[in-house]
Amino acid sequence: MENIPFLVTQPDEEVDDDVKGLFSLDRDVVARDIPVEKLRENLNNVCQSVASALGDIKKVGDFKLKEVEIQVEVTAEGGVELIGTAKLGGKGAITLTFSE
């Protein structure tokens, strides 16, 4: 099985699960090999969900939606999470840009 190395935060059961991010001060950054198939599946799920959520948004006022850009973070387990806060500043994130 093919893997891709990622720098991710070390999972730690003692750290509050609400604290996330690649370079959180509460966790160590480690290199993990993420299986390509798992990453592909999780990215596909996120993209399908975003497409479903944005499917009806074609026009805002007099403006047409031309492009959507989202950033995702890869977890130590190979999961993909949307970045919903500016605290990361996009560091280490994968940016996905969709155009119509």
PDB file of N, CA and C in Angstrom:
ATOM      1  N   MET A   1       0.852  -1.178   0.000  1.00  0.00           N
ATOM      2  CA  MET A   1       0.000   0.000   0.000  1.00  0.00           C
ATOM      3  C   MET A   1       0.899   1.243   0.000  1.00  0.00           C
ATOM      4  N   GLU A   2       0.571   2.183  -0.847  1.00  0.00           N
ATOM      5  CA  GLU A   2       1.337   3.418  -0.980  1.00  0.00           C
ATOM      6  C   GLU A   2       0.988   4.393   0.149  1.00  0.00           C
ATOM      7  N   ASN A   3       2.013   5.074   0.686  1.00  0.00           N
ATOM      8  CA  ASN A   3       1.827   6.045   1.771  1.00  0.00           C
ATOM      9  C   ASN A   3       2.398   7.396   1.397  1.00  0.00           C
ATOM     10  N   ILE A   4       1.885   8.436   2.045  1.00  0.00           N
ATOM     11  CA  ILE A   4       2.410   9.794   1.906  1.00  0.00           C
ATOM     12  C   ILE A   4       2.783  10.280   3.304  1.00  0.00           C
ATOM     13  N   PRO A   5       4.011  10.778   3.479  1.00  0.00           N
ATOM     14  CA  PRO A   5       4.387  11.285   4.807  1.00  0.00           C
ATOM     15  C   PRO A   5       3.761  12.653   5.076  1.00  0.00           C
ATOM     16  N   PHE A   6       3.221  12.835   6.286  1.00  0.00           N
ATOM     17  CA  PHE A   6       2.631  14.098   6.717  1.00  0.00           C
ATOM     18  C   PHE A   6       3.184  14.463   8.084  1.00  0.00           C
ATOM     19  N   LEU A   7       3.369  15.753   8.318  1.00  0.00           N
ATOM     20  CA  LEU A   7       3.649  16.231   9.662  1.00  0.00           C
ATOM     21  C   LEU A   7       2.316  16.504  10.325  1.00  0.00           C
ATOM     22  N   VAL A   8       2.064  15.850  11.447  1.00  0.00           N
ATOM     23  CA  VAL A   8       0.793  15.986  12.147  1.00  0.00           C
ATOM     24  C   VAL A   8       1.063  16.106  13.643  1.00  0.00           C
ATOM     25  N   THR A   9       0.052  16.526  14.388  1.00  0.00           N
ATOM     26  CA  THR A   9       0.214  16.571  15.833  1.00  0.00           C
ATOM     27  C   THR A   9       0.054  15.183  16.409  1.00  0.00           C
ATOM     28  N   GLN A  10       0.858  14.885  17.385  1.00  0.00           N
ATOM     29  CA  GLN A  10       0.812  13.593  18.067  1.00  0.00           C
ATOM     30  C   GLN A  10      -0.493  13.466  18.829  1.00  0.00           C
ATOM     31  N   PRO A  11      -1.274  12.419  18.562  1.00  0.00           N
ATOM     32  CA  PRO A  11      -2.498  12.229  19.344  1.00  0.00           C
ATOM     33  C   PRO A  11      -2.145  12.023  20.814  1.00  0.00           C
ATOM     34  N   ASP A  12      -2.900  12.642  21.693  1.00  0.00           N
ATOM     35  CA  ASP A  12      -2.624  12.536  23.123  1.00  0.00           C
ATOM     36  C   ASP A  12      -3.945  12.509  23.869  1.00  0.00           C
ATOM     37  N   GLU A  13      -4.218  11.413  24.536  1.00  0.00           N
ATOM     38  CA  GLU A  13      -5.482  11.262  25.237  1.00  0.00           C
ATOM     39  C   GLU A  13      -5.663  12.260  26.372  1.00  0.00           C
ATOM     40  N   GLU A  14      -4.565  12.798  26.894  1.00  0.00           N
ATOM     41  CA  GLU A  14      -4.654  13.728  28.026  1.00  0.00           C
ATOM     42  C   GLU A  14      -4.932  15.163  27.592  1.00  0.00           C
ATOM     43  N   VAL A  15      -4.783  15.452  26.309  1.00  0.00           N
ATOM     44  CA  VAL A  15      -4.998  16.803  25.798  1.00  0.00           C
ATOM     45  C   VAL A  15      -6.463  16.958  25.433  1.00  0.00           C
ATOM     46  N   ASP A  16      -7.030  18.128  25.697  1.00  0.00           N
ATOM     47  CA  ASP A  16      -8.425  18.427  25.373  1.00  0.00           C
ATOM     48  C   ASP A  16      -8.659  18.217  23.885  1.00  0.00           C
ATOM     49  N   ASP A  17      -9.686  17.432  23.531  1.00  0.00           N
ATOM     50  CA  ASP A  17      -9.984  17.142  22.128  1.00  0.00           C
ATOM     51  C   ASP A  17     -10.412  18.369  21.348  1.00  0.00           C
ATOM     52  N   ASP A  18     -10.814  19.458  22.016  1.00  0.00           N
ATOM     53  CA  ASP A  18     -11.205  20.669  21.306  1.00  0.00           C
ATOM     54  C   ASP A  18     -10.002  21.428  20.771  1.00  0.00           C
ATOM     55  N   VAL A  19      -8.805  21.105  21.249  1.00  0.00           N
ATOM     56  CA  VAL A  19      -7.594  21.767  20.786  1.00  0.00           C
ATOM     57  C   VAL A  19      -7.077  20.990  19.595  1.00  0.00           C
ATOM     58  N   LYS A  20      -7.083  21.635  18.410  1.00  0.00           N
ATOM     59  CA  LYS A  20      -6.623  20.982  17.193  1.00  0.00           C
ATOM     60  C   LYS A  20      -5.673  21.907  16.470  1.00  0.00           C
ATOM     61  N   GLY A  21      -4.916  21.329  15.579  1.00  0.00           N
ATOM     62  CA  GLY A  21      -4.028  22.128  14.759  1.00  0.00           C
ATOM     63  C   GLY A  21      -2.687  21.450  14.612  1.00  0.00           C
ATOM     64  N   LEU A  22      -2.049  21.687  13.497  1.00  0.00           N
ATOM     65  CA  LEU A  22      -0.769  21.059  13.237  1.00  0.00           C
ATOM     66  C   LEU A  22       0.306  21.473  14.229  1.00  0.00           C
ATOM     67  N   PHE A  23       0.302  22.713  14.621  1.00  0.00           N
ATOM     68  CA  PHE A  23       1.391  23.202  15.448  1.00  0.00           C
ATOM     69  C   PHE A  23       0.886  23.736  16.771  1.00  0.00           C
ATOM     70  N   SER A  24      -0.057  23.025  17.373  1.00  0.00           N
ATOM     71  CA  SER A  24      -0.566  23.379  18.689  1.00  0.00           C
ATOM     72  C   SER A  24       0.560  23.267  19.707  1.00  0.00           C
ATOM     73  N   LEU A  25       0.623  24.201  20.634  1.00  0.00           N
ATOM     74  CA  LEU A  25       1.680  24.185  21.640  1.00  0.00           C
ATOM     75  C   LEU A  25       1.533  23.017  22.607  1.00  0.00           C
ATOM     76  N   ASP A  26       0.356  22.417  22.681  1.00  0.00           N
ATOM     77  CA  ASP A  26       0.101  21.348  23.631  1.00  0.00           C
ATOM     78  C   ASP A  26       0.481  19.964  23.103  1.00  0.00           C
ATOM     79  N   ARG A  27       0.862  19.856  21.869  1.00  0.00           N
ATOM     80  CA  ARG A  27       1.154  18.547  21.290  1.00  0.00           C
ATOM     81  C   ARG A  27       2.452  18.598  20.496  1.00  0.00           C
ATOM     82  N   ASP A  28       3.092  17.453  20.374  1.00  0.00           N
ATOM     83  CA  ASP A  28       4.307  17.343  19.582  1.00  0.00           C
ATOM     84  C   ASP A  28       3.963  17.077  18.127  1.00  0.00           C
ATOM     85  N   VAL A  29       4.760  17.642  17.219  1.00  0.00           N
ATOM     86  CA  VAL A  29       4.584  17.397  15.793  1.00  0.00           C
ATOM     87  C   VAL A  29       5.415  16.169  15.436  1.00  0.00           C
ATOM     88  N   VAL A  30       4.786  15.225  14.746  1.00  0.00           N
ATOM     89  CA  VAL A  30       5.459  13.996  14.352  1.00  0.00           C
ATOM     90  C   VAL A  30       5.195  13.726  12.879  1.00  0.00           C
ATOM     91  N   ALA A  31       6.065  12.957  12.260  1.00  0.00           N
ATOM     92  CA  ALA A  31       5.868  12.536  10.878  1.00  0.00           C
ATOM     93  C   ALA A  31       5.100  11.216  10.896  1.00  0.00           C
ATOM     94  N   ARG A  32       4.061  11.134  10.104  1.00  0.00           N
ATOM     95  CA  ARG A  32       3.262   9.915   9.993  1.00  0.00           C
ATOM     96  C   ARG A  32       3.094   9.576   8.526  1.00  0.00           C
ATOM     97  N   ASP A  33       3.162   8.294   8.213  1.00  0.00           N
ATOM     98  CA  ASP A  33       2.849   7.829   6.866  1.00  0.00           C
ATOM     99  C   ASP A  33       1.350   7.569   6.788  1.00  0.00           C
ATOM    100  N   ILE A  34       0.688   8.302   5.930  1.00  0.00           N
ATOM    101  CA  ILE A  34      -0.763   8.184   5.759  1.00  0.00           C
ATOM    102  C   ILE A  34      -1.018   7.368   4.491  1.00  0.00           C
ATOM    103  N   PRO A  35      -1.807   6.302   4.581  1.00  0.00           N
ATOM    104  CA  PRO A  35      -2.120   5.519   3.377  1.00  0.00           C
ATOM    105  C   PRO A  35      -2.849   6.374   2.332  1.00  0.00           C
ATOM    106  N   VAL A  36      -2.381   6.310   1.095  1.00  0.00           N
ATOM    107  CA  VAL A  36      -2.948   7.104   0.006  1.00  0.00           C
ATOM    108  C   VAL A  36      -4.433   6.803  -0.169  1.00  0.00           C
ATOM    109  N   GLU A  37      -4.813   5.534  -0.091  1.00  0.00           N
ATOM    110  CA  GLU A  37      -6.220   5.161  -0.286  1.00  0.00           C
ATOM    111  C   GLU A  37      -7.104   5.780   0.795  1.00  0.00           C
ATOM    112  N   LYS A  38      -6.641   5.791   2.040  1.00  0.00           N
ATOM    113  CA  LYS A  38      -7.421   6.386   3.129  1.00  0.00           C
ATOM    114  C   LYS A  38      -7.549   7.893   2.929  1.00  0.00           C
ATOM    115  N   LEU A  39      -6.449   8.544   2.550  1.00  0.00           N
ATOM    116  CA  LEU A  39      -6.477   9.982   2.288  1.00  0.00           C
ATOM    117  C   LEU A  39      -7.409  10.296   1.123  1.00  0.00           C
ATOM    118  N   ARG A  40      -7.341   9.503   0.067  1.00  0.00           N
ATOM    119  CA  ARG A  40      -8.212   9.691  -1.111  1.00  0.00           C
ATOM    120  C   ARG A  40      -9.684   9.580  -0.707  1.00  0.00           C
ATOM    121  N   GLU A  41      -9.999   8.549   0.060  1.00  0.00           N
ATOM    122  CA  GLU A  41     -11.380   8.341   0.499  1.00  0.00           C
ATOM    123  C   GLU A  41     -11.873   9.500   1.368  1.00  0.00           C
ATOM    124  N   ASN A  42     -11.052   9.944   2.311  1.00  0.00           N
ATOM    125  CA  ASN A  42     -11.462  11.032   3.205  1.00  0.00           C
ATOM    126  C   ASN A  42     -11.554  12.366   2.477  1.00  0.00           C
ATOM    127  N   LEU A  43     -10.637  12.646   1.557  1.00  0.00           N
ATOM    128  CA  LEU A  43     -10.729  13.875   0.758  1.00  0.00           C
ATOM    129  C   LEU A  43     -11.983  13.850  -0.111  1.00  0.00           C
ATOM    130  N   ASN A  44     -12.278  12.693  -0.695  1.00  0.00           N
ATOM    131  CA  ASN A  44     -13.478  12.566  -1.516  1.00  0.00           C
ATOM    132  C   ASN A  44     -14.740  12.824  -0.693  1.00  0.00           C
ATOM    133  N   ASN A  45     -14.801  12.277   0.528  1.00  0.00           N
ATOM    134  CA  ASN A  45     -15.963  12.496   1.394  1.00  0.00           C
ATOM    135  C   ASN A  45     -16.141  13.974   1.728  1.00  0.00           C
ATOM    136  N   VAL A  46     -15.047  14.659   2.050  1.00  0.00           N
ATOM    137  CA  VAL A  46     -15.124  16.085   2.373  1.00  0.00           C
ATOM    138  C   VAL A  46     -15.563  16.874   1.149  1.00  0.00           C
ATOM    139  N   CYS A  47     -14.985  16.572  -0.007  1.00  0.00           N
ATOM    140  CA  CYS A  47     -15.340  17.303  -1.233  1.00  0.00           C
ATOM    141  C   CYS A  47     -16.803  17.088  -1.607  1.00  0.00           C
ATOM    142  N   GLN A  48     -17.295  15.866  -1.478  1.00  0.00           N
ATOM    143  CA  GLN A  48     -18.693  15.585  -1.776  1.00  0.00           C
ATOM    144  C   GLN A  48     -19.620  16.344  -0.828  1.00  0.00           C
ATOM    145  N   SER A  49     -19.249  16.410   0.451  1.00  0.00           N
ATOM    146  CA  SER A  49     -20.060  17.121   1.436  1.00  0.00           C
ATOM    147  C   SER A  49     -20.069  18.619   1.161  1.00  0.00           C
ATOM    148  N   VAL A  50     -18.909  19.174   0.817  1.00  0.00           N
ATOM    149  CA  VAL A  50     -18.838  20.603   0.495  1.00  0.00           C
ATOM    150  C   VAL A  50     -19.663  20.887  -0.758  1.00  0.00           C
ATOM    151  N   ALA A  51     -19.554  20.025  -1.756  1.00  0.00           N
ATOM    152  CA  ALA A  51     -20.332  20.207  -2.984  1.00  0.00           C
ATOM    153  C   ALA A  51     -21.823  20.172  -2.688  1.00  0.00           C
ATOM    154  N   SER A  52     -22.240  19.277  -1.811  1.00  0.00           N
ATOM    155  CA  SER A  52     -23.652  19.194  -1.435  1.00  0.00           C
ATOM    156  C   SER A  52     -24.099  20.460  -0.703  1.00  0.00           C
ATOM    157  N   ALA A  53     -23.261  20.941   0.207  1.00  0.00           N
ATOM    158  CA  ALA A  53     -23.611  22.141   0.982  1.00  0.00           C
ATOM    159  C   ALA A  53     -23.678  23.386   0.116  1.00  0.00           C
ATOM    160  N   LEU A  54     -22.844  23.456  -0.910  1.00  0.00           N
ATOM    161  CA  LEU A  54     -22.775  24.654  -1.748  1.00  0.00           C
ATOM    162  C   LEU A  54     -23.535  24.513  -3.060  1.00  0.00           C
ATOM    163  N   GLY A  55     -24.155  23.365  -3.282  1.00  0.00           N
ATOM    164  CA  GLY A  55     -24.807  23.075  -4.554  1.00  0.00           C
ATOM    165  C   GLY A  55     -25.835  24.086  -5.005  1.00  0.00           C
ATOM    166  N   ASP A  56     -26.576  24.678  -4.077  1.00  0.00           N
ATOM    167  CA  ASP A  56     -27.637  25.624  -4.436  1.00  0.00           C
ATOM    168  C   ASP A  56     -27.157  27.071  -4.482  1.00  0.00           C
ATOM    169  N   ILE A  57     -25.927  27.308  -4.103  1.00  0.00           N
ATOM    170  CA  ILE A  57     -25.419  28.682  -4.062  1.00  0.00           C
ATOM    171  C   ILE A  57     -24.729  28.977  -5.391  1.00  0.00           C
ATOM    172  N   LYS A  58     -25.475  29.549  -6.300  1.00  0.00           N
ATOM    173  CA  LYS A  58     -24.939  29.903  -7.616  1.00  0.00           C
ATOM    174  C   LYS A  58     -24.816  31.413  -7.781  1.00  0.00           C
ATOM    175  N   LYS A  59     -25.659  32.144  -7.046  1.00  0.00           N
ATOM    176  CA  LYS A  59     -25.707  33.581  -7.219  1.00  0.00           C
ATOM    177  C   LYS A  59     -25.977  34.243  -5.878  1.00  0.00           C
ATOM    178  N   VAL A  60     -25.259  35.327  -5.621  1.00  0.00           N
ATOM    179  CA  VAL A  60     -25.467  36.126  -4.412  1.00  0.00           C
ATOM    180  C   VAL A  60     -25.706  37.557  -4.873  1.00  0.00           C
ATOM    181  N   GLY A  61     -26.946  38.010  -4.759  1.00  0.00           N
ATOM    182  CA  GLY A  61     -27.273  39.340  -5.274  1.00  0.00           C
ATOM    183  C   GLY A  61     -27.059  39.368  -6.771  1.00  0.00           C
ATOM    184  N   ASP A  62     -26.255  40.334  -7.222  1.00  0.00           N
ATOM    185  CA  ASP A  62     -25.933  40.447  -8.649  1.00  0.00           C
ATOM    186  C   ASP A  62     -24.657  39.695  -9.016  1.00  0.00           C
ATOM    187  N   PHE A  63     -24.093  38.971  -8.056  1.00  0.00           N
ATOM    188  CA  PHE A  63     -22.813  38.292  -8.277  1.00  0.00           C
ATOM    189  C   PHE A  63     -23.013  36.791  -8.417  1.00  0.00           C
ATOM    190  N   LYS A  64     -22.231  36.197  -9.317  1.00  0.00           N
ATOM    191  CA  LYS A  64     -22.250  34.752  -9.488  1.00  0.00           C
ATOM    192  C   LYS A  64     -21.066  34.160  -8.716  1.00  0.00           C
ATOM    193  N   LEU A  65     -21.291  33.020  -8.090  1.00  0.00           N
ATOM    194  CA  LEU A  65     -20.222  32.321  -7.405  1.00  0.00           C
ATOM    195  C   LEU A  65     -19.325  31.671  -8.450  1.00  0.00           C
ATOM    196  N   LYS A  66     -18.079  32.091  -8.490  1.00  0.00           N
ATOM    197  CA  LYS A  66     -17.152  31.589  -9.489  1.00  0.00           C
ATOM    198  C   LYS A  66     -16.194  30.558  -8.910  1.00  0.00           C
ATOM    199  N   GLU A  67     -15.837  30.728  -7.637  1.00  0.00           N
ATOM    200  CA  GLU A  67     -14.804  29.876  -7.068  1.00  0.00           C
ATOM    201  C   GLU A  67     -15.023  29.711  -5.573  1.00  0.00           C
ATOM    202  N   VAL A  68     -14.734  28.522  -5.075  1.00  0.00           N
ATOM    203  CA  VAL A  68     -14.805  28.237  -3.651  1.00  0.00           C
ATOM    204  C   VAL A  68     -13.446  27.695  -3.242  1.00  0.00           C
ATOM    205  N   GLU A  69     -12.888  28.237  -2.185  1.00  0.00           N
ATOM    206  CA  GLU A  69     -11.611  27.757  -1.674  1.00  0.00           C
ATOM    207  C   GLU A  69     -11.789  27.333  -0.225  1.00  0.00           C
ATOM    208  N   ILE A  70     -11.381  26.120   0.072  1.00  0.00           N
ATOM    209  CA  ILE A  70     -11.432  25.630   1.448  1.00  0.00           C
ATOM    210  C   ILE A  70     -10.063  25.088   1.818  1.00  0.00           C
ATOM    211  N   GLN A  71      -9.787  25.037   3.103  1.00  0.00           N
ATOM    212  CA  GLN A  71      -8.552  24.436   3.572  1.00  0.00           C
ATOM    213  C   GLN A  71      -8.897  23.293   4.502  1.00  0.00           C
ATOM    214  N   VAL A  72      -8.143  22.220   4.355  1.00  0.00           N
ATOM    215  CA  VAL A  72      -8.351  21.047   5.186  1.00  0.00           C
ATOM    216  C   VAL A  72      -7.043  20.677   5.871  1.00  0.00           C
ATOM    217  N   GLU A  73      -7.183  19.995   6.985  1.00  0.00           N
ATOM    218  CA  GLU A  73      -6.042  19.510   7.741  1.00  0.00           C
ATOM    219  C   GLU A  73      -6.109  17.989   7.759  1.00  0.00           C
ATOM    220  N   VAL A  74      -4.973  17.350   7.612  1.00  0.00           N
ATOM    221  CA  VAL A  74      -4.900  15.896   7.676  1.00  0.00           C
ATOM    222  C   VAL A  74      -4.549  15.519   9.112  1.00  0.00           C
ATOM    223  N   THR A  75      -5.351  14.613   9.702  1.00  0.00           N
ATOM    224  CA  THR A  75      -5.103  14.174  11.070  1.00  0.00           C
ATOM    225  C   THR A  75      -4.072  13.045  11.089  1.00  0.00           C
ATOM    226  N   ALA A  76      -3.599  12.726  12.268  1.00  0.00           N
ATOM    227  CA  ALA A  76      -2.605  11.667  12.427  1.00  0.00           C
ATOM    228  C   ALA A  76      -3.133  10.319  11.961  1.00  0.00           C
ATOM    229  N   GLU A  77      -4.459  10.147  11.993  1.00  0.00           N
ATOM    230  CA  GLU A  77      -5.072   8.888  11.574  1.00  0.00           C
ATOM    231  C   GLU A  77      -5.418   8.874  10.087  1.00  0.00           C
ATOM    232  N   GLY A  78      -5.123   9.965   9.363  1.00  0.00           N
ATOM    233  CA  GLY A  78      -5.440  10.041   7.937  1.00  0.00           C
ATOM    234  C   GLY A  78      -6.787  10.655   7.658  1.00  0.00           C
ATOM    235  N   GLY A  79      -7.452  11.170   8.694  1.00  0.00           N
ATOM    236  CA  GLY A  79      -8.711  11.863   8.497  1.00  0.00           C
ATOM    237  C   GLY A  79      -8.481  13.225   7.873  1.00  0.00           C
ATOM    238  N   VAL A  80      -9.530  13.805   7.342  1.00  0.00           N
ATOM    239  CA  VAL A  80      -9.458  15.133   6.727  1.00  0.00           C
ATOM    240  C   VAL A  80     -10.506  15.996   7.399  1.00  0.00           C
ATOM    241  N   GLU A  81     -10.073  17.143   7.957  1.00  0.00           N
ATOM    242  CA  GLU A  81     -10.983  18.042   8.659  1.00  0.00           C
ATOM    243  C   GLU A  81     -10.933  19.427   8.036  1.00  0.00           C
ATOM    244  N   LEU A  82     -12.102  20.031   7.878  1.00  0.00           N
ATOM    245  CA  LEU A  82     -12.144  21.413   7.408  1.00  0.00           C
ATOM    246  C   LEU A  82     -11.546  22.314   8.471  1.00  0.00           C
ATOM    247  N   ILE A  83     -10.840  23.337   8.054  1.00  0.00           N
ATOM    248  CA  ILE A  83     -10.302  24.315   8.990  1.00  0.00           C
ATOM    249  C   ILE A  83     -11.340  25.415   9.131  1.00  0.00           C
ATOM    250  N   GLY A  84     -11.921  25.509  10.316  1.00  0.00           N
ATOM    251  CA  GLY A  84     -12.995  26.463  10.544  1.00  0.00           C
ATOM    252  C   GLY A  84     -12.569  27.658  11.354  1.00  0.00           C
ATOM    253  N   THR A  85     -11.290  27.829  11.554  1.00  0.00           N
ATOM    254  CA  THR A  85     -10.795  28.956  12.339  1.00  0.00           C
ATOM    255  C   THR A  85      -9.531  29.502  11.705  1.00  0.00           C
ATOM    256  N   ALA A  86      -9.257  30.752  11.959  1.00  0.00           N
ATOM    257  CA  ALA A  86      -8.060  31.383  11.408  1.00  0.00           C
ATOM    258  C   ALA A  86      -6.843  31.152  12.295  1.00  0.00           C
ATOM    259  N   LYS A  87      -7.003  30.438  13.396  1.00  0.00           N
ATOM    260  CA  LYS A  87      -5.880  30.233  14.313  1.00  0.00           C
ATOM    261  C   LYS A  87      -4.707  29.524  13.649  1.00  0.00           C
ATOM    262  N   LEU A  88      -4.990  28.610  12.737  1.00  0.00           N
ATOM    263  CA  LEU A  88      -3.914  27.914  12.047  1.00  0.00           C
ATOM    264  C   LEU A  88      -3.208  28.806  11.042  1.00  0.00           C
ATOM    265  N   GLY A  89      -3.940  29.756  10.500  1.00  0.00           N
ATOM    266  CA  GLY A  89      -3.362  30.607   9.477  1.00  0.00           C
ATOM    267  C   GLY A  89      -3.024  29.837   8.209  1.00  0.00           C
ATOM    268  N   GLY A  90      -3.611  28.658   8.047  1.00  0.00           N
ATOM    269  CA  GLY A  90      -3.351  27.879   6.851  1.00  0.00           C
ATOM    270  C   GLY A  90      -2.045  27.122   6.879  1.00  0.00           C
ATOM    271  N   LYS A  91      -1.263  27.193   7.952  1.00  0.00           N
ATOM    272  CA  LYS A  91      -0.001  26.464   8.013  1.00  0.00           C
ATOM    273  C   LYS A  91      -0.262  24.976   7.919  1.00  0.00           C
ATOM    274  N   GLY A  92       0.422  24.343   7.013  1.00  0.00           N
ATOM    275  CA  GLY A  92       0.315  22.908   6.895  1.00  0.00           C
ATOM    276  C   GLY A  92      -0.991  22.422   6.313  1.00  0.00           C
ATOM    277  N   ALA A  93      -1.836  23.311   5.875  1.00  0.00           N
ATOM    278  CA  ALA A  93      -3.141  22.916   5.355  1.00  0.00           C
ATOM    279  C   ALA A  93      -3.041  22.585   3.880  1.00  0.00           C
ATOM    280  N   ILE A  94      -3.988  21.790   3.423  1.00  0.00           N
ATOM    281  CA  ILE A  94      -4.153  21.537   2.000  1.00  0.00           C
ATOM    282  C   ILE A  94      -5.257  22.461   1.527  1.00  0.00           C
ATOM    283  N   THR A  95      -4.997  23.274   0.521  1.00  0.00           N
ATOM    284  CA  THR A  95      -6.005  24.166  -0.017  1.00  0.00           C
ATOM    285  C   THR A  95      -6.639  23.512  -1.235  1.00  0.00           C
ATOM    286  N   LEU A  96      -7.957  23.415  -1.208  1.00  0.00           N
ATOM    287  CA  LEU A  96      -8.713  22.866  -2.329  1.00  0.00           C
ATOM    288  C   LEU A  96      -9.489  24.018  -2.958  1.00  0.00           C
ATOM    289  N   THR A  97      -9.308  24.252  -4.251  1.00  0.00           N
ATOM    290  CA  THR A  97      -9.995  25.329  -4.948  1.00  0.00           C
ATOM    291  C   THR A  97     -10.899  24.724  -6.011  1.00  0.00           C
ATOM    292  N   PHE A  98     -12.171  25.080  -5.968  1.00  0.00           N
ATOM    293  CA  PHE A  98     -13.158  24.578  -6.921  1.00  0.00           C
ATOM    294  C   PHE A  98     -13.635  25.734  -7.777  1.00  0.00           C
ATOM    295  N   SER A  99     -13.689  25.532  -9.090  1.00  0.00           N
ATOM    296  CA  SER A  99     -14.207  26.537 -10.013  1.00  0.00           C
ATOM    297  C   SER A  99     -15.310  25.918 -10.840  1.00  0.00           C
ATOM    298  N   GLU A 100     -16.229  26.770 -11.252  1.00  0.00           N
ATOM    299  CA  GLU A 100     -17.325  26.284 -12.088  1.00  0.00           C
ATOM    300  C   GLU A 100     -17.009  26.563 -13.523  1.00  0.00           C
TER     301      GLU A 100
END
